[in-house]
Protein backbone atom coordinates (compact mmCIF):
# COMPACT_ATOMS: atom_id res chain seq x y z
CA MET A 1 108.47 115.15 73.06
CA THR A 2 106.05 116.76 70.56
CA ALA A 3 107.18 118.37 67.78
CA PRO A 4 107.16 121.88 67.28
CA ILE A 5 104.67 123.26 65.08
CA ARG A 6 106.82 125.19 62.28
CA PRO A 7 105.36 127.20 59.38
CA THR A 8 105.07 125.34 55.76
CA GLN A 9 104.63 126.63 52.63
CA SER A 10 101.01 126.24 52.71
CA ASP A 11 101.14 128.82 55.13
CA VAL A 12 103.12 130.80 53.46
CA ALA A 13 101.52 130.82 50.29
CA ARG A 14 98.07 131.79 52.03
CA GLU A 15 100.20 134.69 53.79
CA ALA A 16 101.68 136.05 50.84
CA GLY A 17 98.64 135.72 48.62
CA VAL A 18 99.83 132.77 45.65
CA SER A 19 99.95 129.34 45.53
CA ARG A 20 102.12 127.05 47.26
CA ALA A 21 103.44 125.88 43.63
CA LEU A 22 105.22 129.33 43.19
CA VAL A 23 106.47 129.32 46.80
CA SER A 24 108.47 126.22 45.98
CA LEU A 25 109.13 127.80 42.81
CA VAL A 26 111.19 130.95 45.00
CA VAL A 27 112.46 128.38 47.41
CA ARG A 28 114.53 126.54 45.46
CA GLY A 29 115.85 129.72 43.82
CA GLU A 30 113.78 129.12 40.15
CA PRO A 31 114.72 132.48 37.96
CA HIS A 32 111.46 132.37 36.07
CA VAL A 33 109.08 134.10 38.87
CA ARG A 34 107.78 137.97 38.49
CA PRO A 35 109.74 140.06 40.76
CA ASP A 36 107.12 141.57 42.43
CA LYS A 37 105.04 137.46 43.32
CA ARG A 38 108.67 136.99 44.79
CA ALA A 39 109.07 140.06 46.63
CA ALA A 40 105.28 139.17 48.02
CA VAL A 41 106.58 135.10 49.05
CA GLN A 42 109.83 136.36 50.59
CA GLU A 43 108.20 138.89 52.78
CA ALA A 44 105.23 136.21 54.16
CA ILE A 45 108.78 133.77 54.66
CA ASP A 46 110.40 136.40 57.12
CA ARG A 47 107.40 137.36 58.89
CA LEU A 48 106.42 133.48 59.37
CA GLY A 49 110.14 132.75 60.44
CA TYR A 50 109.57 129.99 57.57
CA ARG A 51 112.62 128.15 56.84
CA PRO A 52 112.78 125.49 54.08
CA HIS A 53 113.15 121.56 55.29
CA GLY A 54 115.92 119.37 54.04
CA ALA A 55 113.91 116.58 53.32
CA ALA A 56 111.45 119.51 51.28
CA ALA A 57 114.67 120.32 49.22
CA HIS A 58 115.86 117.15 49.15
CA LEU A 59 112.76 116.32 46.91
CA ALA A 60 112.26 119.06 45.32
CA GLY A 61 115.55 118.55 43.93
CA LYS A 62 115.70 115.35 42.57
CA ARG A 63 111.98 114.69 41.79
CA THR A 64 112.31 110.55 40.98
CA GLN A 65 109.29 110.07 42.56
CA THR A 66 110.71 106.87 44.48
CA ILE A 67 110.92 106.09 48.05
CA GLY A 68 113.47 103.41 49.39
CA VAL A 69 112.22 100.68 51.74
CA LEU A 70 114.93 99.07 54.48
CA VAL A 71 114.05 95.75 55.53
CA PRO A 72 116.35 93.81 58.04
CA ASN A 73 115.89 90.84 55.65
CA LEU A 74 113.35 88.16 53.70
CA VAL A 75 113.61 85.53 56.08
CA ASN A 76 110.25 86.80 58.16
CA PRO A 77 107.74 86.91 56.55
CA TRP A 78 106.19 89.79 58.26
CA PHE A 79 108.76 92.23 56.05
CA GLY A 80 107.49 91.19 52.67
CA MET A 81 103.91 91.96 53.88
CA MET A 82 104.97 95.07 54.87
CA ILE A 83 106.64 95.82 51.35
CA THR A 84 103.78 94.76 49.31
CA SER A 85 101.07 96.88 51.68
CA LEU A 86 103.89 99.50 50.61
CA GLN A 87 104.05 99.15 47.32
CA ALA A 88 100.03 99.86 47.25
CA ALA A 89 100.49 102.16 49.25
CA ALA A 90 102.47 104.17 47.69
CA GLU A 91 100.96 103.48 44.14
CA GLY A 92 97.99 105.29 45.26
CA ALA A 93 99.81 108.18 45.75
CA GLY A 94 101.21 108.07 42.56
CA LEU A 95 104.94 107.12 43.76
CA HIS A 96 107.25 104.27 43.68
CA VAL A 97 109.02 101.36 45.83
CA VAL A 98 112.60 100.23 45.31
CA PHE A 99 113.70 98.41 48.35
CA SER A 100 116.97 96.56 50.06
CA ALA A 101 116.89 93.83 52.21
CA GLY A 102 120.16 92.77 54.43
CA THR A 103 120.83 89.35 55.39
CA ALA A 104 119.65 87.16 58.26
CA GLY A 105 123.14 86.45 59.39
CA ALA A 106 126.46 87.76 58.98
CA THR A 107 127.96 87.51 56.03
CA ASN A 108 130.68 89.94 55.68
CA ALA A 109 132.86 92.06 57.68
CA ARG A 110 129.91 94.53 58.32
CA SER A 111 127.54 94.78 61.34
CA PRO A 112 123.82 94.24 60.75
CA ARG A 113 123.64 98.03 61.90
CA GLU A 114 126.76 99.06 59.76
CA ASP A 115 125.10 97.20 56.37
CA GLU A 116 121.92 99.25 57.36
CA ALA A 117 123.45 102.23 57.59
CA GLU A 118 125.26 101.59 53.56
CA ARG A 119 122.18 100.46 52.50
CA ALA A 120 120.12 103.92 53.25
CA ARG A 121 123.49 106.00 52.11
CA GLU A 122 123.37 104.03 48.75
CA MET A 123 119.26 104.62 48.77
CA LEU A 124 119.90 108.41 49.10
CA SER A 125 122.71 108.71 46.95
CA GLY A 126 120.79 108.63 43.68
CA ARG A 127 117.54 105.60 43.69
CA ALA A 128 115.34 107.60 45.85
CA ASP A 129 114.24 111.26 46.97
CA ALA A 130 112.84 109.59 50.60
CA LEU A 131 113.67 106.65 52.60
CA ILE A 132 111.28 103.96 54.94
CA LEU A 133 113.06 101.50 57.51
CA ILE A 134 111.40 98.63 58.71
CA SER A 135 112.01 98.01 62.20
CA PRO A 136 115.85 99.87 61.65
CA ARG A 137 118.75 98.61 64.09
CA LEU A 138 120.11 102.17 63.24
CA PRO A 139 120.79 104.30 66.93
CA HIS A 140 118.78 107.63 66.91
CA GLU A 141 121.66 110.03 65.98
CA GLU A 142 121.62 108.12 63.11
CA LEU A 143 118.88 108.00 61.51
CA GLU A 144 117.81 111.98 62.56
CA SER A 145 121.55 112.14 60.45
CA LEU A 146 119.59 110.90 57.36
CA GLY A 147 116.52 113.02 58.34
CA SER A 148 118.56 115.96 57.72
CA THR A 149 118.93 115.78 54.11
CA ALA A 150 115.94 113.71 53.36
CA PRO A 151 112.10 112.14 54.17
CA VAL A 152 112.64 109.63 56.94
CA CYS A 153 109.69 107.46 58.33
CA VAL A 154 110.39 104.49 60.29
CA ILE A 155 107.87 101.18 60.38
CA GLY A 156 107.71 99.41 64.21
CA ARG A 157 109.31 101.81 66.03
CA HIS A 158 108.50 104.97 68.12
CA LEU A 159 110.87 108.05 67.88
CA GLN A 160 111.03 111.31 69.61
CA SER A 161 112.35 112.87 66.87
CA ASP A 162 111.42 117.06 65.07
CA ARG A 163 113.23 115.52 61.90
CA VAL A 164 111.80 111.40 61.57
CA SER A 165 108.96 110.30 61.51
CA SER A 166 107.43 106.78 62.94
CA VAL A 167 104.51 105.02 62.50
CA GLN A 168 103.91 101.13 64.67
CA SER A 169 101.55 99.27 65.98
CA ASP A 170 100.86 99.42 69.75
CA PRO A 171 103.27 96.33 71.17
CA VAL A 172 101.50 96.97 74.64
CA ARG A 173 97.96 96.34 73.61
CA GLY A 174 99.48 93.20 71.27
CA GLY A 175 100.93 92.30 74.10
CA ALA A 176 97.82 92.32 76.15
CA LEU A 177 95.74 90.85 73.37
CA ALA A 178 97.38 87.57 73.58
CA ALA A 179 97.25 87.09 77.35
CA GLU A 180 93.28 88.14 77.02
CA HIS A 181 92.92 85.16 74.98
CA LEU A 182 94.84 82.95 76.40
CA ILE A 183 93.15 83.44 79.35
CA SER A 184 89.76 83.15 78.14
CA ARG A 185 90.32 79.96 76.83
CA GLY A 186 90.97 78.99 80.17
CA ALA A 187 95.29 79.10 80.63
CA SER A 188 95.86 78.66 84.12
CA SER A 189 99.57 79.94 83.73
CA LEU A 190 101.07 81.69 80.88
CA ALA A 191 105.01 81.72 79.51
CA TYR A 192 106.13 84.79 76.67
CA LEU A 193 108.54 83.42 74.63
CA ALA A 194 110.53 86.36 72.73
CA PRO A 195 114.66 87.43 72.34
CA LEU A 196 114.74 89.67 75.77
CA GLY A 197 117.89 88.95 76.51
CA PRO A 198 120.31 92.21 77.54
CA ASP A 199 120.49 93.47 73.70
CA ALA A 200 116.42 93.00 73.28
CA GLU A 201 114.22 95.45 70.73
CA GLU A 202 112.32 97.85 72.40
CA VAL A 203 109.34 96.69 70.88
CA ALA A 204 110.03 93.26 71.77
CA VAL A 205 110.44 94.12 75.85
CA HIS A 206 107.09 95.74 75.23
CA ARG A 207 105.11 93.63 74.23
CA ALA A 208 106.15 90.90 76.49
CA ASP A 209 105.27 93.60 79.11
CA GLY A 210 101.95 94.17 77.89
CA PHE A 211 101.18 90.50 77.90
CA THR A 212 102.85 89.97 81.70
CA SER A 213 100.44 93.14 82.93
CA THR A 214 97.87 91.74 81.63
CA ALA A 215 98.18 88.34 83.09
CA ARG A 216 99.03 89.54 86.52
CA ARG A 217 96.07 91.42 86.70
CA ALA A 218 93.86 88.47 86.28
CA ARG A 219 96.06 86.97 88.83
CA VAL A 220 97.37 83.81 86.43
CA PRO A 221 101.19 83.85 86.71
CA VAL A 222 103.81 84.39 83.86
CA ARG A 223 106.87 82.97 82.81
CA ARG A 224 109.32 85.08 80.18
CA GLN A 225 111.60 83.17 78.52
CA ASP A 226 114.45 84.69 76.42
CA VAL A 227 114.20 82.52 73.27
CA PRO A 228 116.01 83.70 69.77
CA ILE A 229 113.70 83.87 66.99
CA ALA A 230 116.12 81.23 65.18
CA ALA A 231 115.92 78.89 67.83
CA ASP A 232 117.68 75.18 68.03
CA PRO A 233 114.64 72.50 67.55
CA GLU A 234 116.13 70.16 69.84
CA GLU A 235 116.95 73.35 72.68
CA LEU A 236 113.27 74.17 72.04
CA ALA A 237 111.96 71.03 72.06
CA GLU A 238 113.16 70.87 75.77
CA ARG A 239 112.60 74.17 77.00
CA MET A 240 108.03 73.70 75.80
CA ALA A 241 108.44 70.21 77.68
CA ALA A 242 110.13 71.79 80.60
CA LEU A 243 107.49 74.88 80.75
CA VAL A 244 104.42 72.49 80.73
CA ARG A 245 106.17 69.84 83.16
CA SER A 246 105.93 73.28 85.28
CA GLY A 247 102.14 73.89 84.91
CA VAL A 248 102.33 76.33 81.73
CA ASP A 249 99.46 76.04 79.63
CA GLY A 250 99.26 78.53 77.09
CA ALA A 251 102.52 80.73 74.98
CA ALA A 252 102.47 83.79 73.39
CA VAL A 253 105.88 84.31 71.19
CA HIS A 254 107.58 86.95 69.52
CA ASN A 255 106.55 86.56 65.84
CA ASP A 256 104.87 83.90 63.71
CA GLN A 257 108.04 82.51 62.57
CA LEU A 258 109.03 81.25 66.63
CA ALA A 259 105.11 80.31 66.75
CA LEU A 260 105.85 77.69 63.76
CA ALA A 261 108.92 76.47 65.23
CA VAL A 262 106.89 75.99 68.54
CA LEU A 263 103.75 74.24 67.11
CA THR A 264 106.16 71.30 65.98
CA THR A 265 107.35 70.90 69.48
CA PRO A 266 105.40 67.71 71.38
CA ALA A 267 104.48 69.90 74.45
CA ALA A 268 102.49 71.92 72.33
CA ASP A 269 99.97 69.56 71.82
CA ALA A 270 99.43 70.01 76.28
CA LEU A 271 98.64 73.36 75.92
CA ARG A 272 95.04 74.70 75.93
CA GLY A 273 95.98 77.86 73.67
CA LEU A 274 99.08 79.80 71.49
CA VAL A 275 99.47 82.66 70.25
CA GLY A 276 101.66 84.00 67.31
CA TYR A 277 102.84 87.82 66.02
CA ASP A 278 102.28 89.40 62.70
CA ALA A 279 99.42 87.29 61.46
CA THR A 280 100.84 86.32 58.35
CA PRO A 281 99.63 84.51 55.49
CA LEU A 282 100.97 81.02 56.36
CA THR A 283 99.58 80.63 59.72
CA ALA A 284 96.40 80.77 58.30
CA PHE A 285 95.76 77.75 56.17
CA PRO A 286 93.00 76.14 57.73
CA SER A 287 96.56 73.00 58.62
CA ILE A 288 97.76 75.49 61.19
CA ALA A 289 95.08 78.17 61.73
CA LEU A 290 97.60 79.80 64.40
CA THR A 291 96.29 82.81 66.43
CA SER A 292 97.95 85.54 65.80
CA ILE A 293 98.30 89.63 66.38
CA ASP A 294 97.61 91.18 63.07
CA GLN A 295 99.42 94.80 63.51
CA ARG A 296 97.79 96.03 60.32
CA SER A 297 100.44 96.28 58.03
CA ASP A 298 98.12 98.32 55.39
CA VAL A 299 97.63 100.65 58.11
CA LEU A 300 100.83 101.02 58.87
CA ALA A 301 102.04 101.29 55.42
CA THR A 302 99.23 104.33 54.95
CA GLY A 303 100.71 106.05 57.75
CA ALA A 304 104.22 106.17 56.47
CA ILE A 305 103.34 107.34 53.11
CA GLU A 306 101.79 110.03 54.54
CA ALA A 307 104.07 111.05 56.62
CA ILE A 308 106.62 110.89 53.84
CA ASP A 309 104.85 113.21 51.91
CA GLY A 310 103.67 115.99 54.61
CA LEU A 311 108.24 115.73 55.53
CA SER A 312 108.78 116.44 51.59
CA GLN A 313 106.16 119.71 52.33
CA GLY A 314 107.88 120.67 55.15
CA ARG A 315 105.52 119.86 57.81
CA PRO A 316 106.72 118.24 61.08
CA ALA A 317 107.66 114.81 61.54
CA ARG A 318 104.34 112.56 63.09
CA HIS A 319 104.42 109.73 65.41
CA ARG A 320 101.34 107.53 64.95
CA THR A 321 100.59 104.17 66.80
CA VAL A 322 98.10 102.17 65.79
CA ALA A 323 96.02 99.30 67.30
CA PRO A 324 96.69 95.62 66.29
CA SER A 325 93.92 93.46 66.29
CA LEU A 326 93.52 89.68 67.23
CA ARG A 327 93.25 86.90 64.14
CA THR A 328 91.30 84.33 66.08
CA GLY A 329 92.75 80.37 64.79
CA ARG A 330 92.58 77.29 66.15
CA THR A 331 95.49 77.52 68.87
């Protein structure tokens, strides 16, 4: 869905022949504006059909210059990488970042989704002007509701929304890069390990689809395996041993956490190649040197900050897809 183009405060300013700052003052109902200027701005608003964006009004009223960042947990190193990248991008824009992390497992009566919703509400109740959610669990309707009250951008998930922006690394291309690498190393039978059960996240399915379609075009067989991120070590070792016995000699996994677990199994020695996902710092250590897909956290962070800035100025939501890259290691 293409977001409709609607007039912005900058459009109103050009139409009225005044500054955007003055338009903002009129929209907020500030009293210290000359009557003739106020009239000119109001006439331009009426001609263009401009309506204030809820996000812009939110920022104008609070002005804490702070963006709240929500992550599912801090167990996955990629979430920490994203927070660091967002801090750098926000600092460059003169903004501050505060973050809130959930827990990797259930520790209270609330579900992960309920916990995320509560943390989002707490952030917007006074600590932050805007919100960035990394790999959120919230359904589309709840994200839309948040976007009606504040500037909101989602990282790691593609949305079709006029209110909430999104930026993600192309998951299909990421899966394709992993398959291409393994095939280039001479692998003749591949496996893709990820949480691919009935409740699988959309991004996990898209990565697997990119991997599978690329391998099949090269006439290389693929086995998709539903494996949890926190897989039991013994069960994972048995699963990998069975795959190798069946002829699998190349594997890719959903993220670096799972890739490192696979790397410790005895069967990993029989693989021609192993590819992780996220290019987290630990996997680059010389003793590990895991090949991994880099989602470009720096580019994602810059895109998210720019999207928040656009929403705060009344511009429509934007949806951007970033090209991932392959960081080649020993595997």
